[in-house]
């Protein structure tokens, strides 16, 4: 009787073991990305920015993104307006900010990227946030997860500052030099002011214009090319952008001669390709690239950008 009962339990144990071994393995949870705890502020009107480095609590929105990354060794988060060409959103830190396989949270800021053609008021109805994959070498492998979030923000872009001419100055006592006869505000207005202009659609023509009230000495123009979704830089032509910031950004430096007030210098980046690989290309132009080389009346309008979707 004991042997029969023992044999019965052994048969049950063996059958259970075979069922466990034969059962298919549970699939790993998929890659995913979610907005955690809403946005800060949740809505409202904020000033836009000229570059991602200007972002702070008063001119950007903070978002905390929770991710689950299983399929690739590394990943990073991007945020954009939908569609990006209509809603030019910039984020900080700029991608690629890689994190390792697993689970975690990333805190980012985003704002409207203003340029010299931006309207004064820019409504933003929705954002898309994406989990992007990268291999062990940091190369982009694809969009792994994407969510769209309705939002209610309006970003304002200020028009260029009006230029004060010497006739606006207030004279003091006789016998002083012309610059001494001007109040401090007018003295600042008599400085040069270099601004870059990117043609739209982007054709490889970049213009540097002196909108200030005095001649600008020779300066350096910086133009870079990178893909918003961090695809490898082989999409940006090396013949035009021969220098490398990192594995995703290529750039070129161009010497700009002295410019009289109102004068401009036209740069043609050649040969400009007629066809580009599929991708979202961001071009940034910065006049007076080396700080302090040109003392300008406005040091915050020397940068502009343009997004091209191929």
C-alpha atoms as a PDB file:
ATOM      1  CA  UNK A   1       0.000   0.000   0.000  1.00  0.00           C
ATOM      2  CA  UNK A   2       2.830   2.400   0.832  1.00  0.00           C
ATOM      3  CA  UNK A   3       4.591   1.640  -2.446  1.00  0.00           C
ATOM      4  CA  UNK A   4       1.420   2.323  -4.455  1.00  0.00           C
ATOM      5  CA  UNK A   5       0.854   5.701  -2.734  1.00  0.00           C
ATOM      6  CA  UNK A   6       4.497   6.721  -3.198  1.00  0.00           C
ATOM      7  CA  UNK A   7       4.378   5.811  -6.870  1.00  0.00           C
ATOM      8  CA  UNK A   8       1.231   7.922  -7.274  1.00  0.00           C
ATOM      9  CA  UNK A   9       2.924  11.004  -5.777  1.00  0.00           C
ATOM     10  CA  UNK A  10       5.986  10.467  -7.983  1.00  0.00           C
ATOM     11  CA  UNK A  11       3.809  10.329 -11.079  1.00  0.00           C
ATOM     12  CA  UNK A  12       2.088  13.594 -10.045  1.00  0.00           C
ATOM     13  CA  UNK A  13       5.453  15.292  -9.391  1.00  0.00           C
ATOM     14  CA  UNK A  14       6.852  14.202 -12.749  1.00  0.00           C
ATOM     15  CA  UNK A  15       3.726  15.339 -14.607  1.00  0.00           C
ATOM     16  CA  UNK A  16       3.826  18.745 -12.891  1.00  0.00           C
ATOM     17  CA  UNK A  17       7.504  19.170 -13.746  1.00  0.00           C
ATOM     18  CA  UNK A  18       6.903  18.320 -17.393  1.00  0.00           C
ATOM     19  CA  UNK A  19       4.061  20.870 -17.576  1.00  0.00           C
ATOM     20  CA  UNK A  20       6.290  23.620 -16.152  1.00  0.00           C
ATOM     21  CA  UNK A  21       9.106  22.753 -18.544  1.00  0.00           C
ATOM     22  CA  UNK A  22       6.750  22.615 -21.523  1.00  0.00           C
ATOM     23  CA  UNK A  23       5.046  25.937 -20.728  1.00  0.00           C
ATOM     24  CA  UNK A  24       6.268  28.825 -22.919  1.00  0.00           C
ATOM     25  CA  UNK A  25       8.505  31.373 -21.211  1.00  0.00           C
ATOM     26  CA  UNK A  26       6.785  34.623 -20.278  1.00  0.00           C
ATOM     27  CA  UNK A  27       7.714  37.414 -22.681  1.00  0.00           C
ATOM     28  CA  UNK A  28       9.693  40.320 -21.278  1.00  0.00           C
ATOM     29  CA  UNK A  29       7.563  43.449 -20.789  1.00  0.00           C
ATOM     30  CA  UNK A  30       7.709  45.678 -23.882  1.00  0.00           C
ATOM     31  CA  UNK A  31       9.545  48.958 -24.117  1.00  0.00           C
ATOM     32  CA  UNK A  32       7.339  51.735 -22.839  1.00  0.00           C
ATOM     33  CA  UNK A  33       7.346  55.400 -21.925  1.00  0.00           C
ATOM     34  CA  UNK A  34       4.886  57.429 -19.828  1.00  0.00           C
ATOM     35  CA  UNK A  35       4.493  60.962 -18.586  1.00  0.00           C
ATOM     36  CA  UNK A  36       4.780  60.898 -14.803  1.00  0.00           C
ATOM     37  CA  UNK A  37       2.813  63.304 -12.626  1.00  0.00           C
ATOM     38  CA  UNK A  38       1.809  65.770 -15.335  1.00  0.00           C
ATOM     39  CA  UNK A  39       3.647  68.894 -16.493  1.00  0.00           C
ATOM     40  CA  UNK A  40       4.953  71.848 -14.513  1.00  0.00           C
ATOM     41  CA  UNK A  41       3.362  74.297 -15.057  1.00  0.00           C
ATOM     42  CA  UNK A  42       0.287  72.371 -16.252  1.00  0.00           C
ATOM     43  CA  UNK A  43      -0.709  75.090 -18.763  1.00  0.00           C
ATOM     44  CA  UNK A  44      -0.367  78.802 -19.426  1.00  0.00           C
ATOM     45  CA  UNK A  45       1.593  81.411 -21.368  1.00  0.00           C
ATOM     46  CA  UNK A  46       5.394  81.419 -21.232  1.00  0.00           C
ATOM     47  CA  UNK A  47       8.170  83.188 -23.142  1.00  0.00           C
ATOM     48  CA  UNK A  48       9.972  81.118 -25.747  1.00  0.00           C
ATOM     49  CA  UNK A  49      13.749  80.775 -26.047  1.00  0.00           C
ATOM     50  CA  UNK A  50      16.415  81.338 -28.704  1.00  0.00           C
ATOM     51  CA  UNK A  51      18.383  78.244 -27.722  1.00  0.00           C
ATOM     52  CA  UNK A  52      18.045  75.289 -25.365  1.00  0.00           C
ATOM     53  CA  UNK A  53      20.725  76.762 -23.082  1.00  0.00           C
ATOM     54  CA  UNK A  54      18.396  79.620 -22.106  1.00  0.00           C
ATOM     55  CA  UNK A  55      15.755  77.370 -20.555  1.00  0.00           C
ATOM     56  CA  UNK A  56      14.743  77.812 -16.933  1.00  0.00           C
ATOM     57  CA  UNK A  57      11.625  77.701 -14.710  1.00  0.00           C
ATOM     58  CA  UNK A  58      10.101  80.896 -16.165  1.00  0.00           C
ATOM     59  CA  UNK A  59      10.389  80.087 -19.882  1.00  0.00           C
ATOM     60  CA  UNK A  60       9.957  76.327 -20.183  1.00  0.00           C
ATOM     61  CA  UNK A  61       7.836  73.376 -19.098  1.00  0.00           C
ATOM     62  CA  UNK A  62       9.242  70.573 -16.964  1.00  0.00           C
ATOM     63  CA  UNK A  63       8.265  66.975 -17.689  1.00  0.00           C
ATOM     64  CA  UNK A  64       9.226  63.775 -15.891  1.00  0.00           C
ATOM     65  CA  UNK A  65       9.225  60.739 -18.186  1.00  0.00           C
ATOM     66  CA  UNK A  66       9.194  57.187 -16.826  1.00  0.00           C
ATOM     67  CA  UNK A  67      10.657  54.608 -19.190  1.00  0.00           C
ATOM     68  CA  UNK A  68      11.007  50.841 -19.479  1.00  0.00           C
ATOM     69  CA  UNK A  69      13.794  49.806 -21.861  1.00  0.00           C
ATOM     70  CA  UNK A  70      14.260  46.111 -22.603  1.00  0.00           C
ATOM     71  CA  UNK A  71      15.115  45.610 -26.274  1.00  0.00           C
ATOM     72  CA  UNK A  72      18.350  47.607 -26.644  1.00  0.00           C
ATOM     73  CA  UNK A  73      21.375  48.393 -24.432  1.00  0.00           C
ATOM     74  CA  UNK A  74      20.745  52.146 -24.327  1.00  0.00           C
ATOM     75  CA  UNK A  75      17.965  54.663 -24.882  1.00  0.00           C
ATOM     76  CA  UNK A  76      17.103  58.344 -24.724  1.00  0.00           C
ATOM     77  CA  UNK A  77      14.009  60.550 -24.607  1.00  0.00           C
ATOM     78  CA  UNK A  78      12.963  63.161 -27.172  1.00  0.00           C
ATOM     79  CA  UNK A  79      10.064  65.631 -27.049  1.00  0.00           C
ATOM     80  CA  UNK A  80       8.651  67.503 -30.036  1.00  0.00           C
ATOM     81  CA  UNK A  81       5.564  69.350 -31.151  1.00  0.00           C
ATOM     82  CA  UNK A  82       3.282  67.603 -33.624  1.00  0.00           C
ATOM     83  CA  UNK A  83       4.148  68.112 -36.444  1.00  0.00           C
ATOM     84  CA  UNK A  84       7.686  69.375 -35.671  1.00  0.00           C
ATOM     85  CA  UNK A  85       7.773  71.775 -38.644  1.00  0.00           C
ATOM     86  CA  UNK A  86       4.653  73.577 -37.377  1.00  0.00           C
ATOM     87  CA  UNK A  87       5.566  73.454 -33.693  1.00  0.00           C
ATOM     88  CA  UNK A  88       9.357  73.907 -33.331  1.00  0.00           C
ATOM     89  CA  UNK A  89       9.982  72.674 -29.795  1.00  0.00           C
ATOM     90  CA  UNK A  90      13.447  72.456 -28.276  1.00  0.00           C
ATOM     91  CA  UNK A  91      14.316  70.487 -25.171  1.00  0.00           C
ATOM     92  CA  UNK A  92      17.004  70.478 -22.511  1.00  0.00           C
ATOM     93  CA  UNK A  93      19.130  68.522 -22.118  1.00  0.00           C
ATOM     94  CA  UNK A  94      19.399  68.064 -25.867  1.00  0.00           C
ATOM     95  CA  UNK A  95      19.455  64.437 -26.978  1.00  0.00           C
ATOM     96  CA  UNK A  96      21.303  62.201 -26.984  1.00  0.00           C
ATOM     97  CA  UNK A  97      21.305  61.844 -23.197  1.00  0.00           C
ATOM     98  CA  UNK A  98      21.656  58.089 -22.960  1.00  0.00           C
ATOM     99  CA  UNK A  99      20.489  55.848 -20.121  1.00  0.00           C
ATOM    100  CA  UNK A 100      21.030  52.141 -19.731  1.00  0.00           C
ATOM    101  CA  UNK A 101      18.707  49.211 -20.277  1.00  0.00           C
ATOM    102  CA  UNK A 102      16.109  48.850 -17.494  1.00  0.00           C
ATOM    103  CA  UNK A 103      13.625  51.143 -15.793  1.00  0.00           C
ATOM    104  CA  UNK A 104      13.985  54.716 -14.637  1.00  0.00           C
ATOM    105  CA  UNK A 105      12.900  58.338 -14.882  1.00  0.00           C
ATOM    106  CA  UNK A 106      14.229  61.257 -16.920  1.00  0.00           C
ATOM    107  CA  UNK A 107      13.442  64.898 -16.150  1.00  0.00           C
ATOM    108  CA  UNK A 108      13.540  67.277 -19.116  1.00  0.00           C
ATOM    109  CA  UNK A 109      12.387  70.773 -20.063  1.00  0.00           C
ATOM    110  CA  UNK A 110      10.901  71.969 -23.331  1.00  0.00           C
ATOM    111  CA  UNK A 111      10.067  75.360 -24.808  1.00  0.00           C
ATOM    112  CA  UNK A 112       9.279  77.084 -28.096  1.00  0.00           C
ATOM    113  CA  UNK A 113      12.340  77.780 -30.234  1.00  0.00           C
ATOM    114  CA  UNK A 114      12.009  81.406 -31.362  1.00  0.00           C
ATOM    115  CA  UNK A 115      13.803  82.937 -34.324  1.00  0.00           C
ATOM    116  CA  UNK A 116      13.700  86.222 -36.203  1.00  0.00           C
ATOM    117  CA  UNK A 117      10.518  85.151 -38.054  1.00  0.00           C
ATOM    118  CA  UNK A 118       8.530  83.754 -35.126  1.00  0.00           C
ATOM    119  CA  UNK A 119       5.057  85.226 -34.518  1.00  0.00           C
ATOM    120  CA  UNK A 120       4.570  87.064 -31.192  1.00  0.00           C
ATOM    121  CA  UNK A 121       2.182  84.353 -29.949  1.00  0.00           C
ATOM    122  CA  UNK A 122       2.600  80.613 -30.596  1.00  0.00           C
ATOM    123  CA  UNK A 123      -0.011  78.132 -29.287  1.00  0.00           C
ATOM    124  CA  UNK A 124       1.084  74.549 -28.631  1.00  0.00           C
ATOM    125  CA  UNK A 125      -1.819  72.037 -28.621  1.00  0.00           C
ATOM    126  CA  UNK A 126       0.103  68.751 -28.208  1.00  0.00           C
ATOM    127  CA  UNK A 127       3.504  67.199 -27.650  1.00  0.00           C
ATOM    128  CA  UNK A 128       4.910  63.801 -28.610  1.00  0.00           C
ATOM    129  CA  UNK A 129       7.460  62.122 -26.356  1.00  0.00           C
ATOM    130  CA  UNK A 130       9.449  59.155 -27.576  1.00  0.00           C
ATOM    131  CA  UNK A 131      11.687  56.438 -26.233  1.00  0.00           C
ATOM    132  CA  UNK A 132      14.511  56.063 -28.757  1.00  0.00           C
ATOM    133  CA  UNK A 133      16.822  53.061 -28.852  1.00  0.00           C
ATOM    134  CA  UNK A 134      20.605  53.013 -29.249  1.00  0.00           C
ATOM    135  CA  UNK A 135      23.085  50.176 -29.541  1.00  0.00           C
ATOM    136  CA  UNK A 136      26.163  49.673 -27.353  1.00  0.00           C
ATOM    137  CA  UNK A 137      28.104  52.172 -29.499  1.00  0.00           C
ATOM    138  CA  UNK A 138      25.410  54.839 -29.030  1.00  0.00           C
ATOM    139  CA  UNK A 139      24.043  54.615 -32.584  1.00  0.00           C
ATOM    140  CA  UNK A 140      20.336  55.231 -33.095  1.00  0.00           C
ATOM    141  CA  UNK A 141      18.370  52.003 -33.688  1.00  0.00           C
ATOM    142  CA  UNK A 142      14.782  53.221 -33.917  1.00  0.00           C
ATOM    143  CA  UNK A 143      11.765  54.615 -32.088  1.00  0.00           C
ATOM    144  CA  UNK A 144      10.711  52.052 -29.480  1.00  0.00           C
ATOM    145  CA  UNK A 145       7.665  53.742 -27.938  1.00  0.00           C
ATOM    146  CA  UNK A 146       5.811  56.981 -28.569  1.00  0.00           C
ATOM    147  CA  UNK A 147       2.956  58.763 -26.783  1.00  0.00           C
ATOM    148  CA  UNK A 148       1.087  61.974 -27.628  1.00  0.00           C
ATOM    149  CA  UNK A 149      -0.114  64.292 -24.878  1.00  0.00           C
ATOM    150  CA  UNK A 150      -2.626  67.148 -25.414  1.00  0.00           C
ATOM    151  CA  UNK A 151      -1.333  70.360 -23.815  1.00  0.00           C
ATOM    152  CA  UNK A 152      -2.506  73.947 -23.507  1.00  0.00           C
ATOM    153  CA  UNK A 153       0.473  76.299 -23.732  1.00  0.00           C
ATOM    154  CA  UNK A 154       1.161  79.523 -25.579  1.00  0.00           C
ATOM    155  CA  UNK A 155       4.759  80.644 -26.049  1.00  0.00           C
ATOM    156  CA  UNK A 156       5.601  84.250 -26.809  1.00  0.00           C
ATOM    157  CA  UNK A 157       8.539  85.391 -28.943  1.00  0.00           C
ATOM    158  CA  UNK A 158       9.722  88.963 -28.604  1.00  0.00           C
ATOM    159  CA  UNK A 159      10.371  91.006 -31.750  1.00  0.00           C
ATOM    160  CA  UNK A 160      13.899  92.278 -32.402  1.00  0.00           C
ATOM    161  CA  UNK A 161      14.867  95.181 -30.155  1.00  0.00           C
ATOM    162  CA  UNK A 162      14.460  98.574 -31.840  1.00  0.00           C
ATOM    163  CA  UNK A 163      17.786 100.168 -32.681  1.00  0.00           C
ATOM    164  CA  UNK A 164      18.446 103.548 -31.170  1.00  0.00           C
ATOM    165  CA  UNK A 165      20.299 105.922 -33.437  1.00  0.00           C
ATOM    166  CA  UNK A 166      22.684 108.707 -32.342  1.00  0.00           C
ATOM    167  CA  UNK A 167      19.831 111.189 -32.823  1.00  0.00           C
ATOM    168  CA  UNK A 168      18.054 109.537 -29.875  1.00  0.00           C
ATOM    169  CA  UNK A 169      20.929 110.434 -27.540  1.00  0.00           C
ATOM    170  CA  UNK A 170      20.758 112.943 -24.733  1.00  0.00           C
ATOM    171  CA  UNK A 171      23.536 115.544 -24.839  1.00  0.00           C
ATOM    172  CA  UNK A 172      25.291 116.588 -21.641  1.00  0.00           C
ATOM    173  CA  UNK A 173      27.840 119.386 -21.215  1.00  0.00           C
ATOM    174  CA  UNK A 174      29.726 120.955 -24.157  1.00  0.00           C
ATOM    175  CA  UNK A 175      33.299 119.991 -24.813  1.00  0.00           C
ATOM    176  CA  UNK A 176      32.929 116.240 -24.272  1.00  0.00           C
ATOM    177  CA  UNK A 177      33.739 113.621 -26.888  1.00  0.00           C
ATOM    178  CA  UNK A 178      30.830 112.384 -29.066  1.00  0.00           C
ATOM    179  CA  UNK A 179      30.602 109.132 -27.057  1.00  0.00           C
ATOM    180  CA  UNK A 180      30.765 110.995 -23.743  1.00  0.00           C
ATOM    181  CA  UNK A 181      27.903 113.193 -24.907  1.00  0.00           C
ATOM    182  CA  UNK A 182      25.610 110.139 -25.087  1.00  0.00           C
ATOM    183  CA  UNK A 183      23.802 108.629 -22.137  1.00  0.00           C
ATOM    184  CA  UNK A 184      24.718 104.995 -21.291  1.00  0.00           C
ATOM    185  CA  UNK A 185      21.665 103.585 -23.107  1.00  0.00           C
ATOM    186  CA  UNK A 186      22.560 105.444 -26.297  1.00  0.00           C
ATOM    187  CA  UNK A 187      26.208 104.399 -25.994  1.00  0.00           C
ATOM    188  CA  UNK A 188      25.091 100.757 -25.976  1.00  0.00           C
ATOM    189  CA  UNK A 189      22.854 101.388 -28.998  1.00  0.00           C
ATOM    190  CA  UNK A 190      25.862 102.590 -30.995  1.00  0.00           C
ATOM    191  CA  UNK A 191      27.426  99.141 -30.925  1.00  0.00           C
ATOM    192  CA  UNK A 192      27.219  96.641 -33.784  1.00  0.00           C
ATOM    193  CA  UNK A 193      24.675  93.860 -33.671  1.00  0.00           C
ATOM    194  CA  UNK A 194      25.210  90.728 -35.774  1.00  0.00           C
ATOM    195  CA  UNK A 195      22.294  88.405 -36.546  1.00  0.00           C
ATOM    196  CA  UNK A 196      22.289  85.181 -38.631  1.00  0.00           C
ATOM    197  CA  UNK A 197      19.561  84.389 -41.146  1.00  0.00           C
ATOM    198  CA  UNK A 198      18.781  80.919 -42.513  1.00  0.00           C
ATOM    199  CA  UNK A 199      16.902  80.784 -45.805  1.00  0.00           C
ATOM    200  CA  UNK A 200      13.548  78.999 -45.839  1.00  0.00           C
ATOM    201  CA  UNK A 201      13.344  76.500 -47.383  1.00  0.00           C
ATOM    202  CA  UNK A 202      16.892  75.636 -46.421  1.00  0.00           C
ATOM    203  CA  UNK A 203      19.103  75.969 -49.491  1.00  0.00           C
ATOM    204  CA  UNK A 204      22.580  76.237 -47.998  1.00  0.00           C
ATOM    205  CA  UNK A 205      22.531  80.054 -48.003  1.00  0.00           C
ATOM    206  CA  UNK A 206      23.303  81.690 -44.642  1.00  0.00           C
ATOM    207  CA  UNK A 207      23.354  85.469 -44.169  1.00  0.00           C
ATOM    208  CA  UNK A 208      25.070  87.464 -41.430  1.00  0.00           C
ATOM    209  CA  UNK A 209      23.685  90.999 -41.128  1.00  0.00           C
ATOM    210  CA  UNK A 210      24.819  93.906 -38.976  1.00  0.00           C
ATOM    211  CA  UNK A 211      21.618  95.531 -37.701  1.00  0.00           C
ATOM    212  CA  UNK A 212      23.552  97.686 -35.251  1.00  0.00           C
ATOM    213  CA  UNK A 213      24.509 101.352 -35.458  1.00  0.00           C
ATOM    214  CA  UNK A 214      28.293 100.980 -35.769  1.00  0.00           C
ATOM    215  CA  UNK A 215      30.671  98.832 -37.829  1.00  0.00           C
ATOM    216  CA  UNK A 216      31.230  95.244 -36.708  1.00  0.00           C
ATOM    217  CA  UNK A 217      34.775  93.890 -36.766  1.00  0.00           C
ATOM    218  CA  UNK A 218      35.569  90.558 -38.389  1.00  0.00           C
ATOM    219  CA  UNK A 219      33.799  87.627 -36.722  1.00  0.00           C
ATOM    220  CA  UNK A 220      33.192  83.879 -37.031  1.00  0.00           C
ATOM    221  CA  UNK A 221      29.962  82.227 -38.161  1.00  0.00           C
ATOM    222  CA  UNK A 222      29.122  78.776 -36.763  1.00  0.00           C
ATOM    223  CA  UNK A 223      26.662  76.543 -38.661  1.00  0.00           C
ATOM    224  CA  UNK A 224      25.883  73.015 -37.537  1.00  0.00           C
ATOM    225  CA  UNK A 225      23.768  70.114 -38.731  1.00  0.00           C
ATOM    226  CA  UNK A 226      22.347  67.301 -36.637  1.00  0.00           C
ATOM    227  CA  UNK A 227      19.367  64.971 -36.713  1.00  0.00           C
ATOM    228  CA  UNK A 228      16.717  65.536 -34.053  1.00  0.00           C
ATOM    229  CA  UNK A 229      16.171  61.815 -33.496  1.00  0.00           C
ATOM    230  CA  UNK A 230      19.924  61.256 -33.142  1.00  0.00           C
ATOM    231  CA  UNK A 231      20.452  59.227 -36.272  1.00  0.00           C
ATOM    232  CA  UNK A 232      24.131  58.895 -37.139  1.00  0.00           C
ATOM    233  CA  UNK A 233      25.711  61.963 -38.655  1.00  0.00           C
ATOM    234  CA  UNK A 234      26.162  60.374 -42.083  1.00  0.00           C
ATOM    235  CA  UNK A 235      22.970  62.225 -43.047  1.00  0.00           C
ATOM    236  CA  UNK A 236      24.790  65.572 -42.727  1.00  0.00           C
ATOM    237  CA  UNK A 237      27.220  65.980 -45.650  1.00  0.00           C
ATOM    238  CA  UNK A 238      30.847  65.972 -44.535  1.00  0.00           C
ATOM    239  CA  UNK A 239      31.865  68.107 -47.516  1.00  0.00           C
ATOM    240  CA  UNK A 240      29.829  70.994 -46.075  1.00  0.00           C
ATOM    241  CA  UNK A 241      30.126  70.248 -42.347  1.00  0.00           C
ATOM    242  CA  UNK A 242      33.655  68.850 -41.961  1.00  0.00           C
ATOM    243  CA  UNK A 243      34.063  69.371 -38.206  1.00  0.00           C
ATOM    244  CA  UNK A 244      32.560  67.200 -35.460  1.00  0.00           C
ATOM    245  CA  UNK A 245      31.104  68.273 -32.096  1.00  0.00           C
ATOM    246  CA  UNK A 246      30.197  64.701 -31.120  1.00  0.00           C
ATOM    247  CA  UNK A 247      28.987  61.594 -32.932  1.00  0.00           C
ATOM    248  CA  UNK A 248      25.709  63.315 -33.842  1.00  0.00           C
ATOM    249  CA  UNK A 249      26.645  66.908 -34.707  1.00  0.00           C
ATOM    250  CA  UNK A 250      28.730  68.212 -37.589  1.00  0.00           C
ATOM    251  CA  UNK A 251      29.581  71.884 -38.081  1.00  0.00           C
ATOM    252  CA  UNK A 252      31.519  74.408 -40.120  1.00  0.00           C
ATOM    253  CA  UNK A 253      33.217  77.683 -39.113  1.00  0.00           C
ATOM    254  CA  UNK A 254      33.279  80.577 -41.578  1.00  0.00           C
ATOM    255  CA  UNK A 255      35.172  83.845 -41.196  1.00  0.00           C
ATOM    256  CA  UNK A 256      32.962  86.904 -41.725  1.00  0.00           C
ATOM    257  CA  UNK A 257      34.634  90.197 -42.716  1.00  0.00           C
ATOM    258  CA  UNK A 258      33.977  93.547 -41.059  1.00  0.00           C
ATOM    259  CA  UNK A 259      30.435  94.769 -41.762  1.00  0.00           C
ATOM    260  CA  UNK A 260      29.216  98.366 -41.872  1.00  0.00           C
ATOM    261  CA  UNK A 261      25.850  99.197 -40.253  1.00  0.00           C
ATOM    262  CA  UNK A 262      23.104  97.636 -42.377  1.00  0.00           C
ATOM    263  CA  UNK A 263      25.562  95.553 -44.410  1.00  0.00           C
ATOM    264  CA  UNK A 264      25.330  91.782 -44.761  1.00  0.00           C
ATOM    265  CA  UNK A 265      27.581  88.921 -45.837  1.00  0.00           C
ATOM    266  CA  UNK A 266      26.106  86.001 -47.787  1.00  0.00           C
ATOM    267  CA  UNK A 267      27.563  82.511 -47.311  1.00  0.00           C
ATOM    268  CA  UNK A 268      26.713  79.742 -49.764  1.00  0.00           C
ATOM    269  CA  UNK A 269      27.359  76.259 -48.408  1.00  0.00           C
ATOM    270  CA  UNK A 270      28.236  74.250 -51.493  1.00  0.00           C
ATOM    271  CA  UNK A 271      27.631  71.730 -52.897  1.00  0.00           C
ATOM    272  CA  UNK A 272      24.222  71.608 -51.187  1.00  0.00           C
ATOM    273  CA  UNK A 273      22.668  68.134 -51.730  1.00  0.00           C
ATOM    274  CA  UNK A 274      19.469  67.900 -53.762  1.00  0.00           C
ATOM    275  CA  UNK A 275      18.472  64.710 -51.882  1.00  0.00           C
ATOM    276  CA  UNK A 276      18.951  63.821 -48.211  1.00  0.00           C
ATOM    277  CA  UNK A 277      18.432  60.555 -46.289  1.00  0.00           C
ATOM    278  CA  UNK A 278      15.102  60.342 -44.479  1.00  0.00           C
ATOM    279  CA  UNK A 279      15.240  62.151 -41.140  1.00  0.00           C
ATOM    280  CA  UNK A 280      14.568  65.347 -39.183  1.00  0.00           C
ATOM    281  CA  UNK A 281      17.529  67.691 -39.677  1.00  0.00           C
ATOM    282  CA  UNK A 282      18.141  70.653 -37.395  1.00  0.00           C
ATOM    283  CA  UNK A 283      20.379  73.483 -38.599  1.00  0.00           C
ATOM    284  CA  UNK A 284      21.714  76.064 -36.146  1.00  0.00           C
ATOM    285  CA  UNK A 285      23.533  79.237 -37.165  1.00  0.00           C
ATOM    286  CA  UNK A 286      25.342  81.458 -34.665  1.00  0.00           C
ATOM    287  CA  UNK A 287      26.924  84.773 -35.569  1.00  0.00           C
ATOM    288  CA  UNK A 288      29.934  85.986 -33.557  1.00  0.00           C
ATOM    289  CA  UNK A 289      30.595  82.429 -32.399  1.00  0.00           C
ATOM    290  CA  UNK A 290      33.521  83.306 -30.124  1.00  0.00           C
ATOM    291  CA  UNK A 291      32.253  85.311 -27.117  1.00  0.00           C
ATOM    292  CA  UNK A 292      33.811  88.705 -26.600  1.00  0.00           C
ATOM    293  CA  UNK A 293      35.182  89.074 -30.102  1.00  0.00           C
ATOM    294  CA  UNK A 294      32.436  91.548 -31.048  1.00  0.00           C
ATOM    295  CA  UNK A 295      30.863  93.756 -28.361  1.00  0.00           C
ATOM    296  CA  UNK A 296      27.219  93.955 -29.472  1.00  0.00           C
ATOM    297  CA  UNK A 297      24.208  95.985 -28.416  1.00  0.00           C
ATOM    298  CA  UNK A 298      22.199  92.740 -28.154  1.00  0.00           C
ATOM    299  CA  UNK A 299      24.083  89.545 -27.267  1.00  0.00           C
ATOM    300  CA  UNK A 300      20.962  87.346 -27.310  1.00  0.00           C
ATOM    301  CA  UNK A 301      19.880  87.506 -30.959  1.00  0.00           C
ATOM    302  CA  UNK A 302      22.943  85.949 -32.582  1.00  0.00           C
ATOM    303  CA  UNK A 303      21.496  82.446 -32.886  1.00  0.00           C
ATOM    304  CA  UNK A 304      18.760  80.965 -35.061  1.00  0.00           C
ATOM    305  CA  UNK A 305      17.700  77.484 -36.097  1.00  0.00           C
ATOM    306  CA  UNK A 306      15.575  75.723 -38.688  1.00  0.00           C
ATOM    307  CA  UNK A 307      14.141  72.204 -38.740  1.00  0.00           C
ATOM    308  CA  UNK A 308      13.909  70.330 -42.044  1.00  0.00           C
ATOM    309  CA  UNK A 309      11.941  67.075 -42.273  1.00  0.00           C
ATOM    310  CA  UNK A 310      12.927  64.783 -45.143  1.00  0.00           C
END
